[in-house]
N, C-alpha and C. Protein backbone atom coordinates (compact mmCIF):
# COMPACT_ATOMS: atom_id res chain seq x y z
N UNK A 1 4.45 13.54 17.72
CA UNK A 1 3.56 14.21 16.77
C UNK A 1 2.20 14.41 17.41
N UNK A 2 1.59 15.56 17.21
CA UNK A 2 0.28 15.83 17.76
C UNK A 2 -0.79 15.30 16.82
N UNK A 3 -1.98 15.11 17.37
CA UNK A 3 -3.07 14.60 16.53
C UNK A 3 -3.50 15.60 15.48
N UNK A 4 -3.16 16.90 15.68
CA UNK A 4 -3.53 17.89 14.68
C UNK A 4 -2.88 17.60 13.34
N UNK A 5 -1.74 16.91 13.36
CA UNK A 5 -1.04 16.62 12.10
C UNK A 5 -1.65 15.46 11.34
N UNK A 6 -2.47 14.64 12.04
CA UNK A 6 -3.00 13.44 11.39
C UNK A 6 -3.87 13.72 10.17
N UNK A 7 -4.83 14.69 10.24
CA UNK A 7 -5.67 14.88 9.05
C UNK A 7 -4.87 15.19 7.81
N UNK A 8 -3.84 16.03 7.94
CA UNK A 8 -3.03 16.37 6.76
C UNK A 8 -2.28 15.17 6.24
N UNK A 9 -1.67 14.38 7.15
CA UNK A 9 -0.93 13.20 6.71
C UNK A 9 -1.85 12.18 6.09
N UNK A 10 -3.02 11.97 6.70
CA UNK A 10 -3.98 11.01 6.14
C UNK A 10 -4.46 11.45 4.77
N UNK A 11 -4.68 12.75 4.60
CA UNK A 11 -5.13 13.25 3.30
C UNK A 11 -4.08 13.03 2.23
N UNK A 12 -2.81 13.20 2.59
CA UNK A 12 -1.75 12.97 1.62
C UNK A 12 -1.67 11.52 1.21
N UNK A 13 -1.84 10.61 2.18
CA UNK A 13 -1.81 9.18 1.86
C UNK A 13 -2.95 8.83 0.92
N UNK A 14 -4.15 9.34 1.23
CA UNK A 14 -5.32 9.02 0.42
C UNK A 14 -5.25 9.67 -0.95
N UNK A 15 -4.43 10.70 -1.10
CA UNK A 15 -4.33 11.37 -2.40
C UNK A 15 -3.42 10.63 -3.36
N UNK A 16 -2.86 9.50 -2.93
CA UNK A 16 -1.90 8.81 -3.77
C UNK A 16 -2.50 7.92 -4.81
N UNK A 17 -3.78 8.06 -5.09
CA UNK A 17 -4.38 7.20 -6.12
C UNK A 17 -4.43 7.94 -7.44
N UNK A 18 -4.09 7.24 -8.50
CA UNK A 18 -4.13 7.84 -9.83
C UNK A 18 -5.42 7.42 -10.50
N UNK A 19 -5.91 8.20 -11.47
CA UNK A 19 -7.17 7.87 -12.13
C UNK A 19 -7.04 6.64 -12.99
N UNK A 20 -8.13 5.87 -13.15
CA UNK A 20 -8.05 4.67 -13.98
C UNK A 20 -7.97 5.01 -15.45
N UNK A 21 -7.44 4.09 -16.23
CA UNK A 21 -7.36 4.25 -17.68
C UNK A 21 -8.28 3.23 -18.34
N UNK A 22 -8.90 3.60 -19.43
CA UNK A 22 -9.81 2.69 -20.13
C UNK A 22 -9.01 1.80 -21.08
N UNK A 23 -9.38 0.54 -21.15
CA UNK A 23 -8.73 -0.43 -22.04
C UNK A 23 -9.78 -1.02 -22.99
N UNK A 24 -9.30 -1.63 -24.05
CA UNK A 24 -10.20 -2.14 -25.08
C UNK A 24 -11.12 -3.23 -24.55
N UNK A 25 -10.68 -3.94 -23.50
CA UNK A 25 -11.52 -5.03 -22.99
C UNK A 25 -12.63 -4.53 -22.08
N UNK A 26 -12.73 -3.20 -21.89
CA UNK A 26 -13.79 -2.64 -21.07
C UNK A 26 -13.40 -2.46 -19.62
N UNK A 27 -12.26 -3.03 -19.20
CA UNK A 27 -11.81 -2.87 -17.82
C UNK A 27 -11.03 -1.57 -17.70
N UNK A 28 -10.74 -1.18 -16.48
CA UNK A 28 -9.90 -0.01 -16.26
C UNK A 28 -8.74 -0.41 -15.38
N UNK A 29 -7.55 0.16 -15.66
CA UNK A 29 -6.35 -0.16 -14.91
C UNK A 29 -5.60 1.11 -14.62
N UNK A 30 -4.85 1.10 -13.53
CA UNK A 30 -4.09 2.29 -13.16
C UNK A 30 -2.93 2.50 -14.12
N UNK A 31 -2.49 3.74 -14.20
CA UNK A 31 -1.36 4.09 -15.05
C UNK A 31 -0.12 3.35 -14.60
N UNK A 32 0.50 2.52 -15.43
CA UNK A 32 1.66 1.77 -15.01
C UNK A 32 2.87 2.66 -14.86
N UNK A 33 3.83 2.20 -14.06
CA UNK A 33 5.04 2.98 -13.85
C UNK A 33 5.83 3.08 -15.14
N UNK A 34 6.36 4.28 -15.46
CA UNK A 34 7.18 4.41 -16.67
C UNK A 34 8.44 3.57 -16.61
N UNK A 35 8.86 3.16 -15.40
CA UNK A 35 10.07 2.36 -15.28
C UNK A 35 9.82 0.88 -15.46
N UNK A 36 8.56 0.49 -15.53
CA UNK A 36 8.27 -0.93 -15.69
C UNK A 36 8.61 -1.36 -17.11
N UNK A 37 9.01 -2.62 -17.26
CA UNK A 37 9.36 -3.12 -18.58
C UNK A 37 8.12 -3.23 -19.44
N UNK A 38 8.24 -2.85 -20.71
CA UNK A 38 7.10 -2.87 -21.60
C UNK A 38 6.74 -4.31 -21.94
N UNK A 39 5.45 -4.57 -22.03
CA UNK A 39 4.98 -5.91 -22.35
C UNK A 39 3.63 -5.80 -23.02
N UNK A 40 3.39 -6.64 -24.02
CA UNK A 40 2.10 -6.64 -24.69
C UNK A 40 1.06 -7.36 -23.87
N UNK A 41 1.48 -8.14 -22.88
CA UNK A 41 0.54 -8.89 -22.05
C UNK A 41 -0.10 -7.96 -21.03
N UNK A 42 -1.36 -8.20 -20.72
CA UNK A 42 -2.05 -7.40 -19.71
C UNK A 42 -1.46 -7.69 -18.34
N UNK A 43 -1.46 -6.70 -17.43
CA UNK A 43 -0.91 -6.92 -16.09
C UNK A 43 -1.76 -7.93 -15.33
N UNK A 44 -1.12 -8.60 -14.39
CA UNK A 44 -1.84 -9.57 -13.57
C UNK A 44 -2.94 -8.87 -12.79
N UNK A 45 -4.04 -9.55 -12.60
CA UNK A 45 -5.16 -8.99 -11.84
C UNK A 45 -5.37 -9.77 -10.55
N UNK A 46 -5.64 -9.07 -9.46
CA UNK A 46 -5.76 -7.62 -9.37
C UNK A 46 -4.40 -6.94 -9.44
N UNK A 47 -4.41 -5.66 -9.80
CA UNK A 47 -3.19 -4.90 -9.91
C UNK A 47 -2.90 -4.22 -8.58
N UNK A 48 -1.73 -4.46 -8.00
CA UNK A 48 -1.32 -3.86 -6.74
C UNK A 48 -0.23 -2.82 -7.01
N UNK A 49 -0.38 -1.63 -6.41
CA UNK A 49 0.57 -0.54 -6.59
C UNK A 49 0.79 0.20 -5.28
N UNK A 50 1.97 0.77 -5.13
CA UNK A 50 2.27 1.62 -3.99
C UNK A 50 2.16 3.08 -4.39
N UNK A 51 1.68 3.90 -3.47
CA UNK A 51 1.66 5.34 -3.68
C UNK A 51 2.94 5.96 -3.14
N UNK A 52 2.92 7.25 -2.95
CA UNK A 52 4.08 7.95 -2.43
C UNK A 52 4.15 7.83 -0.91
N UNK A 53 5.35 8.05 -0.37
CA UNK A 53 5.55 8.05 1.09
C UNK A 53 5.35 9.46 1.61
N UNK A 54 4.59 9.57 2.69
CA UNK A 54 4.40 10.85 3.35
C UNK A 54 4.86 10.71 4.80
N UNK A 55 5.73 11.61 5.24
CA UNK A 55 6.35 11.48 6.55
C UNK A 55 6.25 12.78 7.33
N UNK A 56 6.18 12.64 8.65
CA UNK A 56 6.19 13.79 9.56
C UNK A 56 6.82 13.31 10.86
N UNK A 57 7.85 14.02 11.30
CA UNK A 57 8.60 13.61 12.49
C UNK A 57 9.16 12.20 12.23
N UNK A 58 8.93 11.26 13.15
CA UNK A 58 9.47 9.90 12.99
C UNK A 58 8.46 8.96 12.36
N UNK A 59 7.32 9.46 11.95
CA UNK A 59 6.24 8.63 11.42
C UNK A 59 6.18 8.74 9.91
N UNK A 60 5.91 7.62 9.25
CA UNK A 60 5.75 7.62 7.79
C UNK A 60 4.55 6.76 7.42
N UNK A 61 3.91 7.09 6.33
CA UNK A 61 2.76 6.34 5.83
C UNK A 61 2.83 6.29 4.32
N UNK A 62 2.41 5.15 3.77
CA UNK A 62 2.41 4.96 2.33
C UNK A 62 1.12 4.25 1.92
N UNK A 63 0.49 4.78 0.88
CA UNK A 63 -0.72 4.15 0.39
C UNK A 63 -0.42 2.90 -0.42
N UNK A 64 -1.30 1.93 -0.32
CA UNK A 64 -1.25 0.71 -1.13
C UNK A 64 -2.60 0.59 -1.82
N UNK A 65 -2.59 0.39 -3.15
CA UNK A 65 -3.81 0.42 -3.94
C UNK A 65 -3.99 -0.87 -4.73
N UNK A 66 -5.23 -1.32 -4.79
CA UNK A 66 -5.58 -2.51 -5.55
C UNK A 66 -6.63 -2.12 -6.58
N UNK A 67 -6.38 -2.47 -7.83
CA UNK A 67 -7.34 -2.22 -8.91
C UNK A 67 -7.88 -3.54 -9.42
N UNK A 68 -9.19 -3.65 -9.50
CA UNK A 68 -9.80 -4.83 -10.10
C UNK A 68 -9.80 -4.64 -11.61
N UNK A 69 -8.79 -5.17 -12.27
CA UNK A 69 -8.68 -5.00 -13.73
C UNK A 69 -9.26 -6.20 -14.46
N UNK A 70 -10.01 -7.05 -13.76
CA UNK A 70 -10.66 -8.18 -14.41
C UNK A 70 -12.05 -7.76 -14.87
N UNK A 71 -12.78 -8.71 -15.41
CA UNK A 71 -14.14 -8.42 -15.87
C UNK A 71 -15.20 -8.91 -14.92
N UNK A 72 -14.79 -9.36 -13.71
CA UNK A 72 -15.74 -9.87 -12.74
C UNK A 72 -15.52 -9.19 -11.39
N UNK A 73 -16.51 -9.22 -10.49
CA UNK A 73 -16.35 -8.60 -9.18
C UNK A 73 -15.21 -9.25 -8.38
N UNK A 74 -14.58 -8.47 -7.52
CA UNK A 74 -13.47 -8.95 -6.69
C UNK A 74 -13.76 -8.55 -5.25
N UNK A 75 -13.73 -9.53 -4.33
CA UNK A 75 -14.10 -9.30 -2.93
C UNK A 75 -12.87 -9.20 -2.05
N UNK A 76 -12.89 -8.24 -1.15
CA UNK A 76 -11.85 -8.08 -0.13
C UNK A 76 -12.53 -8.02 1.23
N UNK A 77 -11.87 -8.59 2.22
CA UNK A 77 -12.42 -8.55 3.58
C UNK A 77 -11.27 -8.61 4.57
N UNK A 78 -10.92 -7.47 5.14
CA UNK A 78 -9.86 -7.47 6.14
C UNK A 78 -8.64 -6.69 5.69
N UNK A 79 -7.47 -7.32 5.87
CA UNK A 79 -6.20 -6.65 5.66
C UNK A 79 -5.37 -7.38 4.60
N UNK A 80 -4.49 -6.64 3.93
CA UNK A 80 -3.52 -7.34 3.08
C UNK A 80 -2.54 -8.12 3.93
N UNK A 81 -1.87 -9.07 3.33
CA UNK A 81 -0.80 -9.82 4.00
C UNK A 81 0.52 -9.33 3.41
N UNK A 82 1.36 -8.73 4.26
CA UNK A 82 2.60 -8.11 3.77
C UNK A 82 3.79 -8.66 4.54
N UNK A 83 4.81 -9.07 3.80
CA UNK A 83 6.08 -9.49 4.41
C UNK A 83 7.18 -8.53 4.00
N UNK A 84 7.98 -8.12 4.98
CA UNK A 84 9.11 -7.25 4.71
C UNK A 84 10.29 -8.08 4.23
N UNK A 85 10.92 -7.64 3.13
CA UNK A 85 12.03 -8.37 2.54
C UNK A 85 13.28 -7.49 2.45
N UNK A 86 14.42 -8.16 2.42
CA UNK A 86 15.69 -7.47 2.20
C UNK A 86 15.87 -7.19 0.71
N UNK A 87 16.97 -6.54 0.37
CA UNK A 87 17.27 -6.27 -1.04
C UNK A 87 17.44 -7.56 -1.83
N UNK A 88 17.84 -8.64 -1.15
CA UNK A 88 18.01 -9.94 -1.81
C UNK A 88 16.73 -10.76 -1.85
N UNK A 89 15.66 -10.19 -1.32
CA UNK A 89 14.40 -10.90 -1.30
C UNK A 89 14.23 -11.84 -0.14
N UNK A 90 15.08 -11.73 0.88
CA UNK A 90 14.99 -12.61 2.05
C UNK A 90 14.04 -12.00 3.09
N UNK A 91 13.20 -12.82 3.73
CA UNK A 91 12.29 -12.30 4.76
C UNK A 91 13.07 -11.72 5.94
N UNK A 92 12.60 -10.58 6.44
CA UNK A 92 13.21 -9.94 7.59
C UNK A 92 12.42 -10.28 8.86
N UNK A 93 13.08 -10.16 9.99
CA UNK A 93 12.44 -10.42 11.28
C UNK A 93 11.63 -9.18 11.67
N UNK A 94 10.53 -8.99 10.96
CA UNK A 94 9.69 -7.81 11.13
C UNK A 94 8.24 -8.27 11.24
N UNK A 95 7.49 -7.66 12.12
CA UNK A 95 6.10 -8.03 12.37
C UNK A 95 5.15 -7.06 11.68
N UNK A 96 4.16 -7.61 10.99
CA UNK A 96 3.08 -6.80 10.44
C UNK A 96 1.95 -6.75 11.44
N UNK A 97 1.53 -5.56 11.82
CA UNK A 97 0.45 -5.36 12.78
C UNK A 97 -0.82 -4.99 12.04
N UNK A 98 -1.91 -5.68 12.32
CA UNK A 98 -3.20 -5.35 11.71
C UNK A 98 -3.87 -4.24 12.52
N UNK A 99 -4.04 -3.11 11.87
CA UNK A 99 -4.57 -1.93 12.55
C UNK A 99 -3.44 -0.96 12.88
N UNK A 100 -3.67 0.32 12.66
CA UNK A 100 -2.61 1.32 12.81
C UNK A 100 -2.58 1.98 14.18
N UNK A 101 -3.50 1.63 15.06
CA UNK A 101 -3.63 2.33 16.33
C UNK A 101 -2.40 2.27 17.22
N UNK A 102 -1.68 1.15 17.21
CA UNK A 102 -0.52 1.01 18.10
C UNK A 102 0.66 1.86 17.64
N UNK A 103 0.73 2.16 16.34
CA UNK A 103 1.84 2.96 15.81
C UNK A 103 1.42 4.40 15.57
N UNK A 104 0.21 4.59 15.10
CA UNK A 104 -0.27 5.94 14.80
C UNK A 104 -1.66 6.14 15.40
N UNK A 105 -1.75 6.24 16.75
CA UNK A 105 -3.06 6.41 17.37
C UNK A 105 -3.71 7.71 16.93
N UNK A 106 -4.98 7.62 16.61
CA UNK A 106 -5.71 8.82 16.22
C UNK A 106 -5.62 9.17 14.75
N UNK A 107 -4.95 8.35 13.96
CA UNK A 107 -4.87 8.64 12.52
C UNK A 107 -6.25 8.42 11.91
N UNK A 108 -6.89 9.48 11.46
CA UNK A 108 -8.30 9.36 11.04
C UNK A 108 -8.48 8.49 9.81
N UNK A 109 -9.57 7.71 9.85
CA UNK A 109 -9.95 6.94 8.68
C UNK A 109 -9.20 5.66 8.45
N UNK A 110 -8.24 5.31 9.32
CA UNK A 110 -7.41 4.15 9.03
C UNK A 110 -7.46 3.06 10.10
N UNK A 111 -8.04 3.34 11.25
CA UNK A 111 -8.01 2.35 12.32
C UNK A 111 -9.39 1.82 12.67
N UNK A 112 -10.30 1.92 11.74
CA UNK A 112 -11.63 1.38 12.00
C UNK A 112 -11.66 -0.10 11.68
N UNK A 113 -12.72 -0.77 12.13
CA UNK A 113 -12.83 -2.21 11.92
C UNK A 113 -12.98 -2.52 10.43
N UNK A 114 -12.40 -3.64 9.98
CA UNK A 114 -12.52 -4.00 8.56
C UNK A 114 -13.95 -4.39 8.20
N UNK A 115 -14.31 -4.13 6.96
CA UNK A 115 -15.62 -4.50 6.45
C UNK A 115 -15.46 -5.12 5.07
N UNK A 116 -16.29 -6.11 4.72
CA UNK A 116 -16.19 -6.69 3.38
C UNK A 116 -16.53 -5.65 2.31
N UNK A 117 -15.78 -5.66 1.22
CA UNK A 117 -16.08 -4.78 0.10
C UNK A 117 -16.03 -5.60 -1.18
N UNK A 118 -16.85 -5.23 -2.14
CA UNK A 118 -16.88 -5.89 -3.45
C UNK A 118 -16.53 -4.84 -4.50
N UNK A 119 -15.43 -5.07 -5.21
CA UNK A 119 -14.99 -4.15 -6.25
C UNK A 119 -15.52 -4.64 -7.59
N UNK A 120 -16.25 -3.78 -8.26
CA UNK A 120 -16.68 -4.09 -9.62
C UNK A 120 -15.50 -3.85 -10.57
N UNK A 121 -15.56 -4.37 -11.79
CA UNK A 121 -14.46 -4.16 -12.73
C UNK A 121 -14.08 -2.68 -12.85
N UNK A 122 -12.79 -2.39 -12.70
CA UNK A 122 -12.30 -1.03 -12.79
C UNK A 122 -12.27 -0.28 -11.47
N UNK A 123 -12.92 -0.79 -10.43
CA UNK A 123 -12.93 -0.10 -9.15
C UNK A 123 -11.67 -0.41 -8.35
N UNK A 124 -11.40 0.44 -7.34
CA UNK A 124 -10.16 0.34 -6.60
C UNK A 124 -10.41 0.30 -5.10
N UNK A 125 -9.45 -0.26 -4.38
CA UNK A 125 -9.45 -0.25 -2.92
C UNK A 125 -8.10 0.28 -2.46
N UNK A 126 -8.07 0.74 -1.22
CA UNK A 126 -6.83 1.29 -0.69
C UNK A 126 -6.64 0.90 0.77
N UNK A 127 -5.40 0.87 1.17
CA UNK A 127 -5.02 0.68 2.55
C UNK A 127 -3.78 1.53 2.79
N UNK A 128 -3.34 1.62 4.03
CA UNK A 128 -2.14 2.41 4.34
C UNK A 128 -1.16 1.54 5.11
N UNK A 129 0.12 1.66 4.75
CA UNK A 129 1.21 1.02 5.48
C UNK A 129 1.86 2.13 6.33
N UNK A 130 1.94 1.91 7.63
CA UNK A 130 2.40 2.94 8.55
C UNK A 130 3.55 2.40 9.39
N UNK A 131 4.59 3.22 9.57
CA UNK A 131 5.72 2.77 10.38
C UNK A 131 6.43 3.96 11.01
N UNK A 132 7.29 3.66 11.99
CA UNK A 132 8.15 4.67 12.62
C UNK A 132 9.61 4.27 12.41
N UNK A 133 10.45 5.26 12.27
CA UNK A 133 11.88 4.99 12.08
C UNK A 133 12.67 5.21 13.38
N UNK A 134 11.98 5.06 14.51
CA UNK A 134 12.62 5.25 15.82
C UNK A 134 13.73 4.24 16.02
N UNK A 135 14.87 4.72 16.49
CA UNK A 135 15.99 3.83 16.81
C UNK A 135 16.42 4.11 18.24
N UNK A 136 15.92 3.30 19.17
CA UNK A 136 16.21 3.51 20.58
C UNK A 136 16.68 2.24 21.28
N UNK A 137 17.07 1.24 20.51
CA UNK A 137 17.57 -0.01 21.08
C UNK A 137 18.89 -0.34 20.39
N UNK A 138 19.99 0.04 21.03
CA UNK A 138 21.31 -0.14 20.41
C UNK A 138 21.71 -1.60 20.30
N UNK A 139 20.95 -2.49 20.92
CA UNK A 139 21.26 -3.92 20.81
C UNK A 139 20.86 -4.47 19.44
N UNK A 140 20.05 -3.72 18.73
CA UNK A 140 19.58 -4.16 17.42
C UNK A 140 20.13 -3.24 16.33
N UNK A 141 20.45 -3.83 15.20
CA UNK A 141 20.86 -3.02 14.06
C UNK A 141 19.62 -2.42 13.41
N UNK A 142 19.72 -1.19 12.89
CA UNK A 142 18.57 -0.61 12.19
C UNK A 142 18.17 -1.48 11.00
N UNK A 143 16.88 -1.56 10.77
CA UNK A 143 16.34 -2.42 9.72
C UNK A 143 15.63 -1.57 8.67
N UNK A 144 15.91 -1.85 7.41
CA UNK A 144 15.20 -1.23 6.30
C UNK A 144 14.63 -2.32 5.40
N UNK A 145 13.33 -2.29 5.22
CA UNK A 145 12.68 -3.24 4.31
C UNK A 145 12.75 -2.66 2.91
N UNK A 146 13.57 -3.27 2.06
CA UNK A 146 13.78 -2.76 0.70
C UNK A 146 12.64 -3.16 -0.23
N UNK A 147 12.05 -4.32 0.04
CA UNK A 147 10.94 -4.81 -0.77
C UNK A 147 9.81 -5.29 0.14
N UNK A 148 8.63 -5.35 -0.44
CA UNK A 148 7.46 -5.84 0.28
C UNK A 148 6.76 -6.91 -0.55
N UNK A 149 6.56 -8.07 0.06
CA UNK A 149 5.76 -9.11 -0.59
C UNK A 149 4.32 -8.91 -0.15
N UNK A 150 3.46 -8.63 -1.11
CA UNK A 150 2.09 -8.21 -0.80
C UNK A 150 1.08 -9.17 -1.42
N UNK A 151 0.20 -9.69 -0.58
CA UNK A 151 -0.96 -10.46 -1.05
C UNK A 151 -2.20 -9.68 -0.64
N UNK A 152 -3.21 -9.62 -1.50
CA UNK A 152 -4.42 -8.87 -1.13
C UNK A 152 -5.04 -9.34 0.18
N UNK A 153 -4.94 -10.63 0.42
CA UNK A 153 -5.40 -11.24 1.66
C UNK A 153 -4.60 -12.52 1.87
N UNK A 154 -4.53 -13.03 3.10
CA UNK A 154 -3.81 -14.28 3.32
C UNK A 154 -4.34 -15.39 2.42
N UNK A 155 -3.41 -16.12 1.80
CA UNK A 155 -3.78 -17.23 0.94
C UNK A 155 -3.95 -16.88 -0.52
N UNK A 156 -3.95 -15.60 -0.85
CA UNK A 156 -4.08 -15.21 -2.25
C UNK A 156 -2.69 -14.96 -2.84
N UNK A 157 -2.55 -15.04 -4.16
CA UNK A 157 -1.24 -14.84 -4.79
C UNK A 157 -0.63 -13.49 -4.42
N UNK A 158 0.69 -13.50 -4.23
CA UNK A 158 1.40 -12.29 -3.83
C UNK A 158 2.31 -11.80 -4.94
N UNK A 159 2.60 -10.51 -4.89
CA UNK A 159 3.61 -9.90 -5.76
C UNK A 159 4.60 -9.17 -4.87
N UNK A 160 5.75 -8.86 -5.42
CA UNK A 160 6.77 -8.11 -4.68
C UNK A 160 6.81 -6.69 -5.21
N UNK A 161 6.64 -5.72 -4.32
CA UNK A 161 6.67 -4.31 -4.66
C UNK A 161 7.90 -3.67 -4.05
N UNK A 162 8.41 -2.64 -4.69
CA UNK A 162 9.62 -1.98 -4.21
C UNK A 162 9.31 -0.54 -3.83
N UNK A 163 9.20 -0.24 -2.55
CA UNK A 163 9.01 1.16 -2.14
C UNK A 163 10.20 2.00 -2.60
N UNK A 164 9.95 3.22 -2.97
CA UNK A 164 10.98 4.07 -3.56
C UNK A 164 12.20 4.20 -2.66
N UNK A 165 12.01 4.37 -1.36
CA UNK A 165 13.14 4.53 -0.43
C UNK A 165 13.16 3.44 0.63
N UNK A 166 12.33 2.42 0.48
CA UNK A 166 12.26 1.37 1.48
C UNK A 166 11.53 1.84 2.74
N UNK A 167 11.32 0.90 3.64
CA UNK A 167 10.71 1.21 4.93
C UNK A 167 11.81 1.22 5.98
N UNK A 168 12.17 2.41 6.44
CA UNK A 168 13.19 2.56 7.47
C UNK A 168 12.52 2.34 8.82
N UNK A 169 12.69 1.14 9.37
CA UNK A 169 11.98 0.74 10.58
C UNK A 169 12.77 0.98 11.85
N UNK A 170 14.00 1.50 11.74
CA UNK A 170 14.81 1.72 12.92
C UNK A 170 15.00 0.44 13.71
N UNK A 171 14.72 0.49 15.00
CA UNK A 171 14.80 -0.72 15.84
C UNK A 171 13.42 -1.20 16.27
N UNK A 172 12.36 -0.68 15.62
CA UNK A 172 11.00 -1.01 16.03
C UNK A 172 10.62 -2.45 15.71
N UNK A 173 11.11 -2.97 14.59
CA UNK A 173 10.82 -4.35 14.21
C UNK A 173 9.39 -4.59 13.78
N UNK A 174 8.67 -3.53 13.40
CA UNK A 174 7.27 -3.72 13.03
C UNK A 174 6.77 -2.57 12.15
N UNK A 175 5.68 -2.84 11.46
CA UNK A 175 4.93 -1.83 10.73
C UNK A 175 3.47 -2.21 10.82
N UNK A 176 2.58 -1.30 10.50
CA UNK A 176 1.14 -1.56 10.63
C UNK A 176 0.44 -1.30 9.31
N UNK A 177 -0.70 -1.97 9.13
CA UNK A 177 -1.52 -1.74 7.95
C UNK A 177 -2.96 -1.51 8.39
N UNK A 178 -3.65 -0.68 7.64
CA UNK A 178 -5.07 -0.44 7.89
C UNK A 178 -5.89 -1.40 7.04
N UNK A 179 -7.17 -1.59 7.37
CA UNK A 179 -8.00 -2.48 6.55
C UNK A 179 -8.28 -1.89 5.18
N UNK A 180 -8.57 -2.78 4.23
CA UNK A 180 -8.97 -2.32 2.90
C UNK A 180 -10.26 -1.51 2.98
N UNK A 181 -10.32 -0.49 2.16
CA UNK A 181 -11.59 0.21 1.97
C UNK A 181 -11.67 0.68 0.53
N UNK A 182 -12.88 0.81 0.04
CA UNK A 182 -13.07 1.19 -1.37
C UNK A 182 -12.65 2.63 -1.59
N UNK A 183 -12.04 2.90 -2.74
CA UNK A 183 -11.71 4.27 -3.14
C UNK A 183 -12.98 4.91 -3.70
N UNK A 184 -13.39 6.04 -3.16
CA UNK A 184 -14.59 6.71 -3.71
C UNK A 184 -14.40 7.03 -5.19
N UNK A 185 -15.49 6.99 -5.92
CA UNK A 185 -15.41 7.23 -7.37
C UNK A 185 -14.80 8.60 -7.68
N UNK A 186 -15.12 9.60 -6.85
CA UNK A 186 -14.59 10.94 -7.11
C UNK A 186 -13.08 10.96 -7.00
N UNK A 187 -12.55 10.22 -6.01
CA UNK A 187 -11.09 10.18 -5.84
C UNK A 187 -10.44 9.39 -6.95
N UNK A 188 -11.10 8.31 -7.38
CA UNK A 188 -10.52 7.47 -8.43
C UNK A 188 -10.45 8.19 -9.76
N UNK A 189 -11.30 9.21 -9.94
CA UNK A 189 -11.30 9.93 -11.22
C UNK A 189 -10.62 11.29 -11.12
N UNK A 190 -9.86 11.51 -10.02
CA UNK A 190 -9.17 12.79 -9.84
C UNK A 190 -8.17 13.01 -10.96
N UNK A 191 -7.86 14.25 -11.23
CA UNK A 191 -6.96 14.54 -12.34
C UNK A 191 -5.50 14.41 -11.96
N UNK A 192 -5.17 14.52 -10.66
CA UNK A 192 -3.77 14.42 -10.26
C UNK A 192 -3.31 12.98 -10.33
N UNK A 193 -2.05 12.78 -10.79
CA UNK A 193 -1.48 11.45 -10.90
C UNK A 193 -0.26 11.35 -10.01
N UNK A 194 -0.12 10.21 -9.36
CA UNK A 194 1.06 9.92 -8.56
C UNK A 194 1.74 8.71 -9.14
N UNK A 195 3.01 8.81 -9.46
CA UNK A 195 3.72 7.69 -10.06
C UNK A 195 3.84 6.55 -9.07
N UNK A 196 3.34 5.36 -9.39
CA UNK A 196 3.48 4.23 -8.49
C UNK A 196 4.91 3.74 -8.44
N UNK A 197 5.24 3.08 -7.32
CA UNK A 197 6.58 2.51 -7.22
C UNK A 197 6.72 1.35 -8.19
N UNK A 198 7.95 1.05 -8.64
CA UNK A 198 8.14 -0.07 -9.57
C UNK A 198 7.60 -1.37 -8.99
N UNK A 199 7.07 -2.22 -9.84
CA UNK A 199 6.45 -3.47 -9.44
C UNK A 199 7.29 -4.61 -9.96
N UNK A 200 7.66 -5.53 -9.07
CA UNK A 200 8.54 -6.63 -9.46
C UNK A 200 7.82 -7.94 -9.23
N UNK A 201 7.77 -8.77 -10.24
CA UNK A 201 7.17 -10.09 -10.10
C UNK A 201 8.12 -11.02 -9.41
N UNK A 202 7.58 -11.85 -8.56
CA UNK A 202 8.45 -12.77 -7.83
C UNK A 202 8.63 -14.06 -8.59
């Protein structure tokens, strides 16, 4: 893939955020998936959601979004902690790489150094999960991560998210993530909505 394709792919990934919704408690939360089970209880905070997958050639990228649905500031510094899981929820022999440069060199806006960010109630942050489905090692069976165990940062509580089609990693044995960054207010209030992937509690 040429670097000319990166701006379009990056723009599609960043467009995967849906506008926040107002709640009676004064906080804002993203539109929940229609497939999620109905519950009168408020969703766990922070709320983690996956955006849509955008692919070109053998490269794919998916947005990951965090909404501070609490009533107090929420701090992020660095990268999420993500484990690839099988359909049965078993950890796979897959490596998470911090920084997208080794898999998607030149992808704009995603391979810069992490910076601390503070999300006020209702604000959002985003990162990108990037992988290739290259299969060039016949000694290994192709690997697909059906679920992802995601913690906002190492040591924080994790949830299990289900990408719509999984992460087809081929024989690469790895995927990369970009550092968290705040979603601009203009993007967070955009009118277009993207249905998040179903969210499964572990």
